[in-house]
Amino acid sequence: MRDDGPVPPPPVRLVLGEEELLVERAVQDVVVQVREHEPDAELRRYRASELTPVDLADALSPSLFAEGRVVVVGSAQEAGKDLAAAILDQAADTADGIVLVVAHSGGARNKALADTLKARGAAVTRCDRLTRFEERADFVRAEVRRAGGKIAPDAVGVLIEAVGSELRELAAATSQLVADTGGVIDEKAVRRYHRGRAETTGFAVADKVVAGDRAGALESLRWAQLLGVPAVLVADALADAIRTLAKVGSAGRGDPNRLAGPLGMPPWKVRKAQGQVRSWRPEAVAAAVALTAQLNADVKGASPDPDYALERAVLLLCAARGR
């Protein structure tokens, strides 16, 4: 059976979405595909707002020696009427060896351009923002596999709490952990390698507040403030922890795996909150919800001193739990 080598990439690729890391990877994947056929293929990048129809035509015109080329038009939602028409015209008849990549945010602005490219058969790569916990968890698991490692289920949530939701940071942390642990990541490894950062996040403050550790909560808060963690992020973490207690407490006892869907949170988080909420009376949770709502307003301008507002809220929340 004859092997004709790697399959050439489609001549037009539409990259839809706002997740920058995924967009960059989608573009790089196209470049890798093209260079499997043309190792010296050139990559040219343009931003739609800085590109004219004439520039686009020049970028896509075949060279004398028909060398491979990838032309990327970024932020296509910013294209003016003339450029949008030029993109569609050029996409309809690309030269051999040249691939046009159009990156569009996927929103309503200039949606007709993206819709028309799709309707005309452009290959599509989705790069939507990962907003749900499970999406970010899937991303972490995929990154571990990509780096050749394995990660324990409990370690995924701990890593996200320690590092945050920004995909670049998660990707970098995951790659480093695979390298440092020999490829097998468990909860202990995550806590060992990210202890300093985890202890200065809003989540660390929130965990200690929920546990009623007044001294520990204040210590974590002061470290976070010293290291420049924004007051809004700490307040958000406190609010999220209290909302979680309220939701899990009102749901009653039950299998965390079954409650996870209706509550909109991962099973490990339900399980953790079920253990925590036993130490909170319903009226204490209600008072804590009101306190975090006021704190949210305080750190967004209602208070002249957000740091003082945070410290006061931490003390009041710990007091509410202890009643």
Protein backbone atom coordinates (compact mmCIF):
# COMPACT_ATOMS: atom_id res chain seq x y z
CA MET A 1 0.00 0.00 0.00
CA ARG A 2 1.42 3.37 -1.03
CA ASP A 3 2.15 5.96 1.70
CA ASP A 4 1.75 9.49 0.38
CA GLY A 5 3.01 11.05 3.62
CA PRO A 6 1.21 13.48 5.92
CA VAL A 7 -2.15 14.83 4.79
CA PRO A 8 -1.86 18.52 3.85
CA PRO A 9 -3.83 20.95 6.04
CA PRO A 10 -7.02 22.59 4.75
CA PRO A 11 -6.31 25.82 2.84
CA VAL A 12 -8.49 27.90 5.19
CA ARG A 13 -8.68 27.50 8.96
CA LEU A 14 -11.13 29.44 11.15
CA VAL A 15 -10.04 29.65 14.80
CA LEU A 16 -13.03 30.69 16.93
CA GLY A 17 -12.82 31.78 20.55
CA GLU A 18 -11.14 34.05 23.09
CA GLU A 19 -8.88 31.66 25.00
CA GLU A 20 -5.50 33.02 23.93
CA LEU A 21 -3.43 29.96 24.81
CA LEU A 22 -5.73 27.68 22.82
CA VAL A 23 -5.75 30.11 19.89
CA GLU A 24 -1.95 30.17 19.84
CA ARG A 25 -1.81 26.40 19.94
CA ALA A 26 -4.33 26.11 17.12
CA VAL A 27 -2.17 28.38 14.95
CA GLN A 28 0.97 26.45 15.88
CA ASP A 29 -0.73 23.17 14.95
CA VAL A 30 -1.39 24.55 11.46
CA VAL A 31 2.22 25.69 11.13
CA VAL A 32 3.46 22.23 12.17
CA GLN A 33 1.19 20.59 9.60
CA VAL A 34 2.36 22.87 6.81
CA ARG A 35 6.02 22.37 7.70
CA GLU A 36 5.61 18.61 7.50
CA HIS A 37 5.30 19.24 3.75
CA GLU A 38 7.36 22.43 3.47
CA PRO A 39 10.00 22.58 6.24
CA ASP A 40 10.91 26.16 5.31
CA ALA A 41 7.32 27.42 5.17
CA GLU A 42 7.02 31.03 6.30
CA LEU A 43 4.67 32.27 9.02
CA ARG A 44 3.19 35.75 8.65
CA ARG A 45 0.96 37.26 11.35
CA TYR A 46 -1.31 40.30 11.03
CA ARG A 47 -3.90 42.00 13.20
CA ALA A 48 -7.08 42.76 11.29
CA SER A 49 -7.26 46.34 12.54
CA GLU A 50 -3.79 47.02 11.06
CA LEU A 51 -4.28 45.17 7.76
CA THR A 52 -5.53 46.51 4.42
CA PRO A 53 -7.03 44.49 1.53
CA VAL A 54 -3.92 45.26 -0.51
CA ASP A 55 -1.63 43.97 2.26
CA LEU A 56 -3.72 40.81 2.52
CA ALA A 57 -3.56 40.19 -1.21
CA ASP A 58 0.21 40.66 -1.15
CA ALA A 59 0.59 38.27 1.82
CA LEU A 60 -1.41 35.58 0.04
CA SER A 61 0.09 35.97 -3.42
CA PRO A 62 2.15 32.96 -4.55
CA SER A 63 5.90 33.34 -4.64
CA LEU A 64 8.02 32.65 -7.68
CA PHE A 65 9.14 29.29 -6.28
CA ALA A 66 5.75 28.36 -4.76
CA GLU A 67 7.14 28.19 -1.21
CA GLY A 68 4.80 27.21 1.62
CA ARG A 69 3.32 29.92 3.78
CA VAL A 70 0.89 30.35 6.69
CA VAL A 71 -0.87 33.71 6.84
CA VAL A 72 -2.64 34.45 10.12
CA VAL A 73 -5.22 37.23 10.39
CA GLY A 74 -5.77 37.79 14.10
CA SER A 75 -8.69 39.55 15.80
CA ALA A 76 -10.77 39.24 12.64
CA GLN A 77 -13.77 40.63 14.51
CA GLU A 78 -12.03 44.02 14.17
CA ALA A 79 -11.92 43.86 10.36
CA GLY A 80 -13.60 46.69 8.49
CA LYS A 81 -16.13 46.07 5.73
CA ASP A 82 -13.56 46.16 2.92
CA LEU A 83 -11.11 43.86 4.67
CA ALA A 84 -13.86 41.39 5.61
CA ALA A 85 -14.89 41.23 1.94
CA ALA A 86 -11.23 40.75 0.94
CA ILE A 87 -10.79 37.90 3.43
CA LEU A 88 -13.78 36.10 1.95
CA ASP A 89 -12.56 36.68 -1.63
CA GLN A 90 -9.04 35.45 -0.84
CA ALA A 91 -10.33 32.46 1.14
CA ALA A 92 -12.32 31.34 -1.88
CA ASP A 93 -9.18 30.89 -3.98
CA THR A 94 -5.96 30.39 -2.00
CA ALA A 95 -2.79 29.50 -3.87
CA ASP A 96 -1.24 26.05 -3.55
CA GLY A 97 0.94 25.70 -0.48
CA ILE A 98 -0.56 28.76 1.23
CA VAL A 99 -2.82 28.37 4.27
CA LEU A 100 -4.99 31.23 5.54
CA VAL A 101 -5.80 31.19 9.26
CA VAL A 102 -8.53 33.58 10.42
CA ALA A 103 -8.77 34.02 14.19
CA HIS A 104 -12.11 35.43 15.38
CA SER A 105 -13.26 35.93 18.97
CA GLY A 106 -16.52 34.13 18.24
CA GLY A 107 -18.69 37.00 19.47
CA ALA A 108 -21.39 38.99 17.69
CA ARG A 109 -19.01 41.54 16.19
CA ASN A 110 -18.34 40.70 12.53
CA LYS A 111 -20.12 37.38 13.05
CA ALA A 112 -21.13 37.29 9.40
CA LEU A 113 -17.47 36.89 8.41
CA ALA A 114 -17.02 33.82 10.59
CA ASP A 115 -20.39 32.36 9.57
CA THR A 116 -19.61 32.77 5.87
CA LEU A 117 -16.20 31.14 6.20
CA LYS A 118 -17.82 28.18 7.98
CA ALA A 119 -20.57 27.93 5.37
CA ARG A 120 -17.95 27.84 2.62
CA GLY A 121 -16.16 24.90 4.18
CA ALA A 122 -13.36 26.40 6.25
CA ALA A 123 -11.96 24.00 8.84
CA VAL A 124 -12.96 25.19 12.32
CA THR A 125 -11.09 25.00 15.63
CA ARG A 126 -12.99 26.09 18.76
CA CYS A 127 -11.00 27.95 21.41
CA ASP A 128 -13.73 29.08 23.81
CA ARG A 129 -12.89 30.29 27.30
CA LEU A 130 -12.96 27.56 29.92
CA THR A 131 -15.29 29.00 32.55
CA ARG A 132 -16.51 25.88 34.37
CA PHE A 133 -14.39 24.03 36.89
CA GLU A 134 -14.79 20.72 35.07
CA GLU A 135 -13.54 22.28 31.83
CA ARG A 136 -10.39 23.51 33.57
CA ALA A 137 -10.01 20.12 35.26
CA ASP A 138 -10.22 18.41 31.86
CA PHE A 139 -7.59 20.86 30.60
CA VAL A 140 -5.23 19.97 33.47
CA ARG A 141 -5.69 16.25 32.86
CA ALA A 142 -5.02 16.74 29.13
CA GLU A 143 -1.91 18.80 29.89
CA VAL A 144 -0.57 16.05 32.12
CA ARG A 145 -1.12 13.48 29.36
CA ARG A 146 0.45 15.86 26.85
CA ALA A 147 3.57 16.01 29.05
CA GLY A 148 3.61 12.22 29.43
CA GLY A 149 2.48 12.02 33.06
CA LYS A 150 -0.41 10.90 35.25
CA ILE A 151 -2.33 12.83 37.90
CA ALA A 152 -4.46 11.57 40.79
CA PRO A 153 -8.12 12.75 40.75
CA ASP A 154 -7.81 14.63 44.07
CA ALA A 155 -4.68 16.44 42.89
CA VAL A 156 -6.51 18.14 40.00
CA GLY A 157 -8.69 20.34 42.21
CA VAL A 158 -5.81 21.11 44.57
CA LEU A 159 -3.66 22.25 41.63
CA ILE A 160 -6.39 24.54 40.28
CA GLU A 161 -6.92 26.07 43.72
CA ALA A 162 -3.20 26.60 44.18
CA VAL A 163 -2.41 27.99 40.72
CA GLY A 164 -5.68 29.64 39.64
CA SER A 165 -7.81 29.48 36.51
CA GLU A 166 -5.44 31.14 34.01
CA LEU A 167 -4.60 28.47 31.43
CA ARG A 168 -1.05 29.61 30.76
CA GLU A 169 -0.19 29.29 34.44
CA LEU A 170 -1.95 25.95 34.73
CA ALA A 171 -0.10 24.64 31.67
CA ALA A 172 3.26 25.82 32.99
CA ALA A 173 2.63 24.43 36.49
CA THR A 174 1.45 21.10 35.11
CA SER A 175 4.47 20.71 32.85
CA GLN A 176 6.82 21.56 35.72
CA LEU A 177 5.12 19.11 38.06
CA VAL A 178 5.41 16.28 35.54
CA ALA A 179 9.11 17.03 35.17
CA ASP A 180 9.76 17.36 38.91
CA THR A 181 7.79 14.31 40.06
CA GLY A 182 8.90 11.85 37.42
CA GLY A 183 5.46 11.95 35.82
CA VAL A 184 3.20 10.85 38.69
CA ILE A 185 1.39 13.75 40.39
CA ASP A 186 -0.57 13.31 43.60
CA GLU A 187 -2.08 15.76 46.08
CA LYS A 188 1.03 15.75 48.27
CA ALA A 189 3.23 16.68 45.31
CA VAL A 190 1.00 19.61 44.39
CA ARG A 191 0.97 20.93 47.94
CA ARG A 192 4.73 20.46 48.27
CA TYR A 193 5.61 22.31 45.07
CA HIS A 194 2.98 25.03 45.37
CA ARG A 195 2.86 25.51 49.12
CA GLY A 196 4.02 29.12 49.07
CA ARG A 197 1.53 30.20 46.48
CA ALA A 198 -1.38 28.21 47.87
CA GLU A 199 -0.90 29.70 51.31
CA THR A 200 -1.18 33.27 49.99
CA THR A 201 -4.32 32.91 47.88
CA GLY A 202 -7.81 33.94 48.81
CA PHE A 203 -8.72 30.25 48.88
CA ALA A 204 -6.30 29.66 51.75
CA VAL A 205 -7.88 32.51 53.72
CA ALA A 206 -11.35 31.17 52.98
CA ASP A 207 -10.46 27.63 54.02
CA LYS A 208 -9.22 28.82 57.39
CA VAL A 209 -12.27 31.04 57.92
CA VAL A 210 -14.63 28.16 57.15
CA ALA A 211 -12.67 25.96 59.56
CA GLY A 212 -12.92 28.65 62.27
CA ASP A 213 -9.13 29.10 62.42
CA ARG A 214 -9.13 32.80 63.35
CA ALA A 215 -5.35 33.12 63.83
CA GLY A 216 -4.56 31.12 60.70
CA ALA A 217 -7.02 33.13 58.61
CA LEU A 218 -5.52 36.43 59.73
CA GLU A 219 -1.99 35.16 59.08
CA SER A 220 -2.90 33.99 55.57
CA LEU A 221 -4.69 37.28 54.90
CA ARG A 222 -1.69 39.36 55.94
CA TRP A 223 0.67 37.28 53.79
CA ALA A 224 -1.68 37.70 50.84
CA GLN A 225 -1.80 41.46 51.40
CA LEU A 226 1.98 41.64 51.77
CA LEU A 227 2.49 39.80 48.49
CA GLY A 228 -0.03 41.96 46.64
CA VAL A 229 -2.97 39.59 46.16
CA PRO A 230 -5.84 41.92 45.12
CA ALA A 231 -8.48 42.48 47.81
CA VAL A 232 -11.21 41.66 45.29
CA LEU A 233 -9.80 38.15 44.75
CA VAL A 234 -9.70 37.42 48.48
CA ALA A 235 -13.25 38.72 48.88
CA ASP A 236 -14.40 36.56 45.94
CA ALA A 237 -12.81 33.48 47.49
CA LEU A 238 -14.55 34.14 50.81
CA ALA A 239 -17.89 34.68 49.06
CA ASP A 240 -17.45 31.49 47.02
CA ALA A 241 -16.66 29.46 50.15
CA ILE A 242 -19.73 30.76 51.98
CA ARG A 243 -22.01 30.29 48.96
CA THR A 244 -20.76 26.73 48.70
CA LEU A 245 -21.62 26.11 52.37
CA ALA A 246 -25.09 27.57 51.83
CA LYS A 247 -25.79 25.50 48.71
CA VAL A 248 -24.48 22.24 50.10
CA GLY A 249 -26.14 22.81 53.47
CA SER A 250 -29.54 23.44 51.89
CA ALA A 251 -29.17 20.34 49.69
CA GLY A 252 -28.96 18.10 52.75
CA ARG A 253 -27.03 14.87 53.04
CA GLY A 254 -26.50 12.83 49.93
CA ASP A 255 -24.02 11.27 47.55
CA PRO A 256 -21.59 14.02 46.42
CA ASN A 257 -21.45 12.47 42.95
CA ARG A 258 -25.21 12.81 42.57
CA LEU A 259 -25.42 16.26 44.13
CA ALA A 260 -22.58 17.65 42.01
CA GLY A 261 -24.69 18.18 38.88
CA PRO A 262 -27.66 19.96 40.47
CA LEU A 263 -25.34 22.09 42.63
CA GLY A 264 -23.07 22.99 39.72
CA MET A 265 -19.81 22.02 41.40
CA PRO A 266 -17.37 19.07 41.27
CA PRO A 267 -17.97 16.10 43.60
CA TRP A 268 -14.78 16.73 45.59
CA LYS A 269 -15.98 20.24 46.42
CA VAL A 270 -19.40 18.94 47.55
CA ARG A 271 -17.70 16.33 49.72
CA LYS A 272 -15.41 18.91 51.28
CA ALA A 273 -18.28 21.32 52.01
CA GLN A 274 -20.40 18.54 53.53
CA GLY A 275 -17.69 18.06 56.12
CA GLN A 276 -17.32 21.79 56.75
CA VAL A 277 -21.00 22.75 56.99
CA ARG A 278 -21.57 20.48 59.98
CA SER A 279 -19.79 23.09 62.11
CA TRP A 280 -22.05 25.93 60.91
CA ARG A 281 -25.59 26.54 62.15
CA PRO A 282 -28.05 27.68 59.43
CA GLU A 283 -28.38 31.16 60.95
CA ALA A 284 -24.57 31.47 61.01
CA VAL A 285 -24.41 30.65 57.29
CA ALA A 286 -27.12 33.24 56.60
CA ALA A 287 -25.17 35.87 58.55
CA ALA A 288 -21.99 34.93 56.67
CA VAL A 289 -23.73 35.37 53.31
CA ALA A 290 -24.73 38.90 54.33
CA LEU A 291 -21.18 39.65 55.53
CA THR A 292 -19.57 38.54 52.26
CA ALA A 293 -22.10 40.57 50.26
CA GLN A 294 -21.13 43.69 52.24
CA LEU A 295 -17.44 42.83 51.83
CA ASN A 296 -17.90 42.62 48.07
CA ALA A 297 -19.23 46.18 48.06
CA ASP A 298 -16.49 47.36 50.42
CA VAL A 299 -13.57 46.11 48.33
CA LYS A 300 -15.12 47.55 45.16
CA GLY A 301 -15.24 51.09 46.48
CA ALA A 302 -17.74 51.33 49.33
CA SER A 303 -14.94 51.28 51.91
CA PRO A 304 -12.02 53.73 51.89
CA ASP A 305 -9.73 50.96 53.20
CA PRO A 306 -10.26 47.55 51.50
CA ASP A 307 -7.55 45.90 53.62
CA TYR A 308 -9.30 46.92 56.83
CA ALA A 309 -12.63 45.74 55.37
CA LEU A 310 -11.10 42.33 54.65
CA GLU A 311 -9.65 41.94 58.13
CA ARG A 312 -12.93 43.02 59.73
CA ALA A 313 -14.88 40.55 57.59
CA VAL A 314 -12.53 37.69 58.46
CA LEU A 315 -12.98 38.36 62.18
CA LEU A 316 -16.76 38.63 61.87
CA LEU A 317 -17.01 35.45 59.78
CA CYS A 318 -14.94 33.48 62.28
CA ALA A 319 -17.10 34.85 65.08
CA ALA A 320 -20.29 33.86 63.24
CA ARG A 321 -19.07 30.29 62.89
CA GLY A 322 -18.21 30.10 66.59
CA ARG A 323 -21.61 31.17 67.85
